[in-house]
Amino acid sequence: MRALARAVLGDFWAIHGFSIGTVVKLRFGELTFDADTRQLVGADGEVHLSPKAFELLKILVEHRPRALSKNELHELLWPATFVTEANLASLVAEIRDSLGDDARHPRFVRTAHRFGYAFCGEAAVVPESASPSEAASFCWLLKDGRRLPLRIGENILGRDDDVIQIDSPTVSRRHARIVITAVDALLEDLGSKNGTFTQGAPVSTPVRLADGDELRIGSVVLRFRMTLPKGATATWSGDEQS
């Protein structure tokens, strides 16, 4: 069974151009997943999982977006060992609880009813060449010619003290959120009173941002800027300061 499990993982990596043992760090949502260091890190620090729960998440991530049957998962997690189905369900519940996921509206772990489970989130490989300083500065907002840096992970925009402050009575205390990964950015409205807009369109579900996009938070207009992970400026010909 152990040989079968390794063969399954080997096929996955071969299809995707990696070999067993390759260190691949991934970002999904505001989380960074590192299989080599066995760490899952969110905007507020490390997210703790039991060893078996981490291994289950690793398997689901590696096989994304394919749904794995409960039998496959049992063979990979507990080779040649009998365990009840409740053990697997308990690990899935632990992962969802730690990731803030919802079984009815999943962001990361989807239930394939009467079959098994699948990783359903968008995951991006973190380039090995990206240093912390590069990662911390490759996205920002422009407001009246002033740069507002965005960090990897979650960035809340609003009037609260602990957020990126947008000083306007038309802006809610926690108005909108921009989640930065190693390669892209997602904008989401947080139920604000006066709405969030990008390129003139209202934001009702998370929207991927591109370099140069115009954002409107309430009545405040901002410009989103992004450089490529290796430092090359993405193509955009606007006249704002960079």
C-alpha atoms as a PDB file:
ATOM      1  CA  MET A   1       0.000   0.000   0.000  1.00  0.00           C
ATOM      2  CA  ARG A   2       2.858   2.394   0.761  1.00  0.00           C
ATOM      3  CA  ALA A   3       4.263   1.720  -2.713  1.00  0.00           C
ATOM      4  CA  LEU A   4       0.844   2.447  -4.219  1.00  0.00           C
ATOM      5  CA  ALA A   5       0.589   5.745  -2.337  1.00  0.00           C
ATOM      6  CA  ARG A   6       4.030   6.832  -3.497  1.00  0.00           C
ATOM      7  CA  ALA A   7       3.212   5.838  -7.080  1.00  0.00           C
ATOM      8  CA  VAL A   8       0.042   7.942  -6.998  1.00  0.00           C
ATOM      9  CA  LEU A   9       1.953  10.987  -5.752  1.00  0.00           C
ATOM     10  CA  GLY A  10       4.708  10.328  -8.272  1.00  0.00           C
ATOM     11  CA  ASP A  11       2.232  10.364 -11.146  1.00  0.00           C
ATOM     12  CA  PHE A  12       0.851  13.695  -9.921  1.00  0.00           C
ATOM     13  CA  TRP A  13       4.250  15.375  -9.755  1.00  0.00           C
ATOM     14  CA  ALA A  14       5.314  13.922 -13.113  1.00  0.00           C
ATOM     15  CA  ILE A  15       2.206  15.337 -14.799  1.00  0.00           C
ATOM     16  CA  HIS A  16       2.858  18.778 -13.291  1.00  0.00           C
ATOM     17  CA  GLY A  17       6.573  18.858 -14.060  1.00  0.00           C
ATOM     18  CA  PHE A  18       7.925  18.199 -10.560  1.00  0.00           C
ATOM     19  CA  SER A  19       9.677  15.247  -8.997  1.00  0.00           C
ATOM     20  CA  ILE A  20       9.118  13.629  -5.603  1.00  0.00           C
ATOM     21  CA  GLY A  21      11.050  15.643  -3.034  1.00  0.00           C
ATOM     22  CA  THR A  22      10.767  18.951  -4.923  1.00  0.00           C
ATOM     23  CA  VAL A  23      10.088  21.784  -2.475  1.00  0.00           C
ATOM     24  CA  VAL A  24       6.988  23.606  -3.667  1.00  0.00           C
ATOM     25  CA  LYS A  25       5.445  26.360  -1.591  1.00  0.00           C
ATOM     26  CA  LEU A  26       1.870  27.319  -2.418  1.00  0.00           C
ATOM     27  CA  ARG A  27      -0.448  30.188  -1.602  1.00  0.00           C
ATOM     28  CA  PHE A  28      -4.224  29.861  -1.441  1.00  0.00           C
ATOM     29  CA  GLY A  29      -6.328  32.724  -0.133  1.00  0.00           C
ATOM     30  CA  GLU A  30      -4.376  34.420   2.644  1.00  0.00           C
ATOM     31  CA  LEU A  31      -2.506  31.187   3.499  1.00  0.00           C
ATOM     32  CA  THR A  32       0.976  29.942   2.626  1.00  0.00           C
ATOM     33  CA  PHE A  33       1.406  26.153   2.533  1.00  0.00           C
ATOM     34  CA  ASP A  34       4.939  24.713   2.743  1.00  0.00           C
ATOM     35  CA  ALA A  35       5.045  20.911   2.551  1.00  0.00           C
ATOM     36  CA  ASP A  36       8.804  20.818   3.127  1.00  0.00           C
ATOM     37  CA  THR A  37       8.773  22.718   6.435  1.00  0.00           C
ATOM     38  CA  ARG A  38       5.304  21.329   7.254  1.00  0.00           C
ATOM     39  CA  GLN A  39       3.939  24.792   7.928  1.00  0.00           C
ATOM     40  CA  LEU A  40       0.688  26.545   7.125  1.00  0.00           C
ATOM     41  CA  VAL A  41       0.939  30.296   7.705  1.00  0.00           C
ATOM     42  CA  GLY A  42      -1.872  32.846   7.604  1.00  0.00           C
ATOM     43  CA  ALA A  43      -2.005  36.623   7.954  1.00  0.00           C
ATOM     44  CA  ASP A  44      -1.913  36.291  11.764  1.00  0.00           C
ATOM     45  CA  GLY A  45       0.863  33.700  11.945  1.00  0.00           C
ATOM     46  CA  GLU A  46       1.154  29.927  11.826  1.00  0.00           C
ATOM     47  CA  VAL A  47      -2.024  27.849  11.606  1.00  0.00           C
ATOM     48  CA  HIS A  48      -1.614  24.684  13.653  1.00  0.00           C
ATOM     49  CA  LEU A  49      -2.811  21.300  12.391  1.00  0.00           C
ATOM     50  CA  SER A  50      -2.259  17.846  13.813  1.00  0.00           C
ATOM     51  CA  PRO A  51       0.270  15.759  11.804  1.00  0.00           C
ATOM     52  CA  LYS A  52      -2.456  13.619  10.190  1.00  0.00           C
ATOM     53  CA  ALA A  53      -4.599  16.643   9.326  1.00  0.00           C
ATOM     54  CA  PHE A  54      -1.588  18.350   7.728  1.00  0.00           C
ATOM     55  CA  GLU A  55      -0.870  15.189   5.734  1.00  0.00           C
ATOM     56  CA  LEU A  56      -4.484  15.057   4.529  1.00  0.00           C
ATOM     57  CA  LEU A  57      -4.352  18.699   3.442  1.00  0.00           C
ATOM     58  CA  LYS A  58      -1.070  18.009   1.639  1.00  0.00           C
ATOM     59  CA  ILE A  59      -2.599  15.073  -0.248  1.00  0.00           C
ATOM     60  CA  LEU A  60      -5.683  17.065  -1.262  1.00  0.00           C
ATOM     61  CA  VAL A  61      -3.577  20.031  -2.372  1.00  0.00           C
ATOM     62  CA  GLU A  62      -1.212  17.849  -4.381  1.00  0.00           C
ATOM     63  CA  HIS A  63      -4.093  16.153  -6.198  1.00  0.00           C
ATOM     64  CA  ARG A  64      -6.189  19.295  -6.764  1.00  0.00           C
ATOM     65  CA  PRO A  65      -8.753  19.652  -8.262  1.00  0.00           C
ATOM     66  CA  ARG A  66      -9.419  15.891  -8.464  1.00  0.00           C
ATOM     67  CA  ALA A  67     -11.750  14.440  -5.863  1.00  0.00           C
ATOM     68  CA  LEU A  68     -10.199  11.534  -3.994  1.00  0.00           C
ATOM     69  CA  SER A  69     -12.374   8.715  -2.759  1.00  0.00           C
ATOM     70  CA  LYS A  70     -12.517   7.849   0.908  1.00  0.00           C
ATOM     71  CA  ASN A  71     -10.831   4.531   0.114  1.00  0.00           C
ATOM     72  CA  GLU A  72      -7.915   6.293  -1.614  1.00  0.00           C
ATOM     73  CA  LEU A  73      -7.493   8.662   1.303  1.00  0.00           C
ATOM     74  CA  HIS A  74      -7.582   5.810   3.810  1.00  0.00           C
ATOM     75  CA  GLU A  75      -4.857   3.984   1.858  1.00  0.00           C
ATOM     76  CA  LEU A  76      -2.667   7.086   1.724  1.00  0.00           C
ATOM     77  CA  LEU A  77      -3.169   8.116   5.352  1.00  0.00           C
ATOM     78  CA  TRP A  78      -3.407   4.754   7.113  1.00  0.00           C
ATOM     79  CA  PRO A  79      -1.754   2.131   4.862  1.00  0.00           C
ATOM     80  CA  ALA A  80      -2.435  -1.456   5.962  1.00  0.00           C
ATOM     81  CA  THR A  81      -4.311  -0.149   9.017  1.00  0.00           C
ATOM     82  CA  PHE A  82      -8.025  -0.411   9.750  1.00  0.00           C
ATOM     83  CA  VAL A  83      -9.669   2.811  10.917  1.00  0.00           C
ATOM     84  CA  THR A  84     -13.291   3.867  10.922  1.00  0.00           C
ATOM     85  CA  GLU A  85     -14.724   6.401   8.473  1.00  0.00           C
ATOM     86  CA  ALA A  86     -15.170   8.802  11.395  1.00  0.00           C
ATOM     87  CA  ASN A  87     -11.373   9.265  11.578  1.00  0.00           C
ATOM     88  CA  LEU A  88     -11.274  10.806   8.104  1.00  0.00           C
ATOM     89  CA  ALA A  89     -14.313  12.992   8.768  1.00  0.00           C
ATOM     90  CA  SER A  90     -12.664  14.219  11.972  1.00  0.00           C
ATOM     91  CA  LEU A  91      -9.515  15.265  10.088  1.00  0.00           C
ATOM     92  CA  VAL A  92     -11.565  17.118   7.466  1.00  0.00           C
ATOM     93  CA  ALA A  93     -13.446  18.938  10.230  1.00  0.00           C
ATOM     94  CA  GLU A  94     -10.121  19.904  11.870  1.00  0.00           C
ATOM     95  CA  ILE A  95      -8.799  21.332   8.578  1.00  0.00           C
ATOM     96  CA  ARG A  96     -11.971  23.318   7.961  1.00  0.00           C
ATOM     97  CA  ASP A  97     -11.995  24.681  11.487  1.00  0.00           C
ATOM     98  CA  SER A  98      -8.342  25.754  11.274  1.00  0.00           C
ATOM     99  CA  LEU A  99      -8.778  27.360   7.832  1.00  0.00           C
ATOM    100  CA  GLY A 100     -12.089  29.049   8.676  1.00  0.00           C
ATOM    101  CA  ASP A 101     -13.737  26.991   5.929  1.00  0.00           C
ATOM    102  CA  ASP A 102     -17.428  26.151   5.630  1.00  0.00           C
ATOM    103  CA  ALA A 103     -18.650  22.741   4.484  1.00  0.00           C
ATOM    104  CA  ARG A 104     -21.766  24.260   2.870  1.00  0.00           C
ATOM    105  CA  HIS A 105     -19.869  27.047   1.076  1.00  0.00           C
ATOM    106  CA  PRO A 106     -16.293  25.706   0.842  1.00  0.00           C
ATOM    107  CA  ARG A 107     -13.326  27.871  -0.111  1.00  0.00           C
ATOM    108  CA  PHE A 108     -10.739  25.098   0.220  1.00  0.00           C
ATOM    109  CA  VAL A 109     -12.083  21.590   0.978  1.00  0.00           C
ATOM    110  CA  ARG A 110     -15.115  20.375  -0.960  1.00  0.00           C
ATOM    111  CA  THR A 111     -17.154  17.285  -0.059  1.00  0.00           C
ATOM    112  CA  ALA A 112     -17.903  14.986  -2.996  1.00  0.00           C
ATOM    113  CA  HIS A 113     -21.043  13.498  -1.492  1.00  0.00           C
ATOM    114  CA  ARG A 114     -21.009   9.737  -0.969  1.00  0.00           C
ATOM    115  CA  PHE A 115     -17.526   9.628  -2.528  1.00  0.00           C
ATOM    116  CA  GLY A 116     -14.764  11.620  -0.847  1.00  0.00           C
ATOM    117  CA  TYR A 117     -13.107  15.046  -0.746  1.00  0.00           C
ATOM    118  CA  ALA A 118     -11.292  17.520  -3.016  1.00  0.00           C
ATOM    119  CA  PHE A 119      -9.268  20.712  -2.656  1.00  0.00           C
ATOM    120  CA  CYS A 120     -11.275  23.401  -4.453  1.00  0.00           C
ATOM    121  CA  GLY A 121      -9.299  26.588  -3.742  1.00  0.00           C
ATOM    122  CA  GLU A 122      -7.121  28.468  -6.211  1.00  0.00           C
ATOM    123  CA  ALA A 123      -3.489  27.699  -5.383  1.00  0.00           C
ATOM    124  CA  ALA A 124      -0.433  29.477  -6.814  1.00  0.00           C
ATOM    125  CA  VAL A 125       3.183  28.340  -6.624  1.00  0.00           C
ATOM    126  CA  VAL A 126       5.377  30.767  -4.673  1.00  0.00           C
ATOM    127  CA  PRO A 127       8.478  31.551  -6.770  1.00  0.00           C
ATOM    128  CA  GLU A 128      11.631  30.494  -4.909  1.00  0.00           C
ATOM    129  CA  SER A 129      13.377  33.688  -6.017  1.00  0.00           C
ATOM    130  CA  ALA A 130      10.875  35.944  -4.290  1.00  0.00           C
ATOM    131  CA  SER A 131      12.498  37.393  -1.176  1.00  0.00           C
ATOM    132  CA  PRO A 132      10.464  38.700   1.794  1.00  0.00           C
ATOM    133  CA  SER A 133      11.257  42.288   0.841  1.00  0.00           C
ATOM    134  CA  GLU A 134      10.070  41.711  -2.731  1.00  0.00           C
ATOM    135  CA  ALA A 135       6.919  39.960  -1.545  1.00  0.00           C
ATOM    136  CA  ALA A 136       6.119  42.814   0.825  1.00  0.00           C
ATOM    137  CA  SER A 137       6.326  45.524  -1.818  1.00  0.00           C
ATOM    138  CA  PHE A 138       5.086  44.135  -5.129  1.00  0.00           C
ATOM    139  CA  CYS A 139       1.517  45.439  -4.633  1.00  0.00           C
ATOM    140  CA  TRP A 140       0.310  48.836  -3.481  1.00  0.00           C
ATOM    141  CA  LEU A 141      -2.481  51.398  -3.839  1.00  0.00           C
ATOM    142  CA  LEU A 142      -2.125  54.962  -5.046  1.00  0.00           C
ATOM    143  CA  LYS A 143      -4.245  57.662  -3.414  1.00  0.00           C
ATOM    144  CA  ASP A 144      -3.674  61.311  -4.334  1.00  0.00           C
ATOM    145  CA  GLY A 145      -0.126  60.421  -5.436  1.00  0.00           C
ATOM    146  CA  ARG A 146       0.636  58.673  -2.118  1.00  0.00           C
ATOM    147  CA  ARG A 147       1.619  55.016  -2.011  1.00  0.00           C
ATOM    148  CA  LEU A 148      -0.231  52.681   0.377  1.00  0.00           C
ATOM    149  CA  PRO A 149       1.738  49.395   0.579  1.00  0.00           C
ATOM    150  CA  LEU A 150      -0.138  46.081   0.599  1.00  0.00           C
ATOM    151  CA  ARG A 151       1.286  43.056   2.380  1.00  0.00           C
ATOM    152  CA  ILE A 152       1.126  39.389   1.472  1.00  0.00           C
ATOM    153  CA  GLY A 153      -2.100  38.005   2.907  1.00  0.00           C
ATOM    154  CA  GLU A 154      -5.123  40.005   4.019  1.00  0.00           C
ATOM    155  CA  ASN A 155      -5.339  43.803   3.758  1.00  0.00           C
ATOM    156  CA  ILE A 156      -8.459  45.457   5.186  1.00  0.00           C
ATOM    157  CA  LEU A 157      -9.456  48.919   3.899  1.00  0.00           C
ATOM    158  CA  GLY A 158     -11.641  51.181   6.028  1.00  0.00           C
ATOM    159  CA  ARG A 159     -11.738  53.677   8.900  1.00  0.00           C
ATOM    160  CA  ASP A 160     -10.826  51.359  11.804  1.00  0.00           C
ATOM    161  CA  ASP A 161      -7.541  51.963  13.634  1.00  0.00           C
ATOM    162  CA  ASP A 162      -6.012  48.578  12.730  1.00  0.00           C
ATOM    163  CA  VAL A 163      -6.640  48.697   8.955  1.00  0.00           C
ATOM    164  CA  ILE A 164      -5.343  50.581   5.906  1.00  0.00           C
ATOM    165  CA  GLN A 165      -7.157  53.802   6.669  1.00  0.00           C
ATOM    166  CA  ILE A 166      -9.256  55.535   4.028  1.00  0.00           C
ATOM    167  CA  ASP A 167     -10.450  58.739   5.680  1.00  0.00           C
ATOM    168  CA  SER A 168     -13.902  59.504   4.312  1.00  0.00           C
ATOM    169  CA  PRO A 169     -17.431  59.474   5.788  1.00  0.00           C
ATOM    170  CA  THR A 170     -18.476  57.371   2.778  1.00  0.00           C
ATOM    171  CA  VAL A 171     -16.109  54.562   3.829  1.00  0.00           C
ATOM    172  CA  SER A 172     -17.213  51.915   6.336  1.00  0.00           C
ATOM    173  CA  ARG A 173     -15.075  50.974   9.338  1.00  0.00           C
ATOM    174  CA  ARG A 174     -14.135  47.691   7.652  1.00  0.00           C
ATOM    175  CA  HIS A 175     -15.106  48.393   4.079  1.00  0.00           C
ATOM    176  CA  ALA A 176     -13.225  46.031   1.745  1.00  0.00           C
ATOM    177  CA  ARG A 177     -10.472  43.446   1.685  1.00  0.00           C
ATOM    178  CA  ILE A 178      -7.584  42.815  -0.719  1.00  0.00           C
ATOM    179  CA  VAL A 179      -5.913  39.419  -0.385  1.00  0.00           C
ATOM    180  CA  ILE A 180      -2.418  39.270  -1.895  1.00  0.00           C
ATOM    181  CA  THR A 181      -0.790  35.988  -2.926  1.00  0.00           C
ATOM    182  CA  ALA A 182       2.616  35.544  -4.539  1.00  0.00           C
ATOM    183  CA  VAL A 183       1.207  36.116  -8.017  1.00  0.00           C
ATOM    184  CA  ASP A 184      -2.147  37.875  -7.824  1.00  0.00           C
ATOM    185  CA  ALA A 185      -4.616  39.922  -5.776  1.00  0.00           C
ATOM    186  CA  LEU A 186      -8.321  39.500  -4.984  1.00  0.00           C
ATOM    187  CA  LEU A 187     -10.670  42.347  -4.009  1.00  0.00           C
ATOM    188  CA  GLU A 188     -13.757  41.680  -1.877  1.00  0.00           C
ATOM    189  CA  ASP A 189     -16.411  43.970  -0.430  1.00  0.00           C
ATOM    190  CA  LEU A 190     -17.110  43.407   3.283  1.00  0.00           C
ATOM    191  CA  GLY A 191     -20.777  44.368   3.292  1.00  0.00           C
ATOM    192  CA  SER A 192     -20.023  48.087   3.129  1.00  0.00           C
ATOM    193  CA  LYS A 193     -22.795  50.683   3.130  1.00  0.00           C
ATOM    194  CA  ASN A 194     -21.659  52.596   0.035  1.00  0.00           C
ATOM    195  CA  GLY A 195     -20.145  49.766  -1.959  1.00  0.00           C
ATOM    196  CA  THR A 196     -16.832  48.798  -3.542  1.00  0.00           C
ATOM    197  CA  PHE A 197     -16.187  49.188  -7.264  1.00  0.00           C
ATOM    198  CA  THR A 198     -13.468  48.224  -9.717  1.00  0.00           C
ATOM    199  CA  GLN A 199     -13.303  49.617 -13.229  1.00  0.00           C
ATOM    200  CA  GLY A 200     -16.715  51.159 -12.510  1.00  0.00           C
ATOM    201  CA  ALA A 201     -18.427  47.822 -11.755  1.00  0.00           C
ATOM    202  CA  PRO A 202     -19.759  46.963  -8.278  1.00  0.00           C
ATOM    203  CA  VAL A 203     -17.912  44.196  -6.442  1.00  0.00           C
ATOM    204  CA  SER A 204     -20.366  41.558  -5.167  1.00  0.00           C
ATOM    205  CA  THR A 205     -18.023  38.545  -5.209  1.00  0.00           C
ATOM    206  CA  PRO A 206     -14.196  38.390  -4.979  1.00  0.00           C
ATOM    207  CA  VAL A 207     -12.620  39.962  -8.083  1.00  0.00           C
ATOM    208  CA  ARG A 208      -9.078  39.446  -9.343  1.00  0.00           C
ATOM    209  CA  LEU A 209      -7.195  42.743  -9.735  1.00  0.00           C
ATOM    210  CA  ALA A 210      -4.829  43.708 -12.536  1.00  0.00           C
ATOM    211  CA  ASP A 211      -2.114  46.328 -12.497  1.00  0.00           C
ATOM    212  CA  GLY A 212      -3.606  49.762 -13.154  1.00  0.00           C
ATOM    213  CA  ASP A 213      -7.167  48.919 -12.118  1.00  0.00           C
ATOM    214  CA  GLU A 214      -9.174  51.820 -10.696  1.00  0.00           C
ATOM    215  CA  LEU A 215     -10.910  51.080  -7.386  1.00  0.00           C
ATOM    216  CA  ARG A 216     -13.631  53.090  -5.699  1.00  0.00           C
ATOM    217  CA  ILE A 217     -14.142  52.605  -1.974  1.00  0.00           C
ATOM    218  CA  GLY A 218     -17.273  54.558  -1.133  1.00  0.00           C
ATOM    219  CA  SER A 219     -16.494  57.852  -2.886  1.00  0.00           C
ATOM    220  CA  VAL A 220     -12.693  57.495  -2.652  1.00  0.00           C
ATOM    221  CA  VAL A 221     -10.858  56.611  -5.870  1.00  0.00           C
ATOM    222  CA  LEU A 222      -7.673  54.530  -5.696  1.00  0.00           C
ATOM    223  CA  ARG A 223      -5.346  53.002  -8.260  1.00  0.00           C
ATOM    224  CA  PHE A 224      -4.048  49.444  -7.809  1.00  0.00           C
ATOM    225  CA  ARG A 225      -0.419  48.842  -8.785  1.00  0.00           C
ATOM    226  CA  MET A 226       1.426  45.533  -9.044  1.00  0.00           C
ATOM    227  CA  THR A 227       4.860  44.428 -10.176  1.00  0.00           C
ATOM    228  CA  LEU A 228       5.721  40.932 -11.275  1.00  0.00           C
ATOM    229  CA  PRO A 229       7.208  38.708  -8.523  1.00  0.00           C
ATOM    230  CA  LYS A 230      10.756  39.023  -9.910  1.00  0.00           C
ATOM    231  CA  GLY A 231      10.555  42.808  -9.918  1.00  0.00           C
ATOM    232  CA  ALA A 232       9.630  43.573 -13.520  1.00  0.00           C
ATOM    233  CA  THR A 233       6.849  46.178 -13.733  1.00  0.00           C
ATOM    234  CA  ALA A 234       3.615  44.850 -15.183  1.00  0.00           C
ATOM    235  CA  THR A 235       2.456  46.539 -18.382  1.00  0.00           C
ATOM    236  CA  TRP A 236       0.442  49.690 -17.736  1.00  0.00           C
ATOM    237  CA  SER A 237       0.691  53.180 -19.200  1.00  0.00           C
ATOM    238  CA  GLY A 238      -1.128  55.312 -16.636  1.00  0.00           C
ATOM    239  CA  ASP A 239       0.276  58.702 -15.628  1.00  0.00           C
ATOM    240  CA  GLU A 240       0.228  58.172 -11.811  1.00  0.00           C
ATOM    241  CA  GLN A 241       3.455  57.980  -9.898  1.00  0.00           C
ATOM    242  CA  SER A 242       4.930  54.458  -9.542  1.00  0.00           C
END
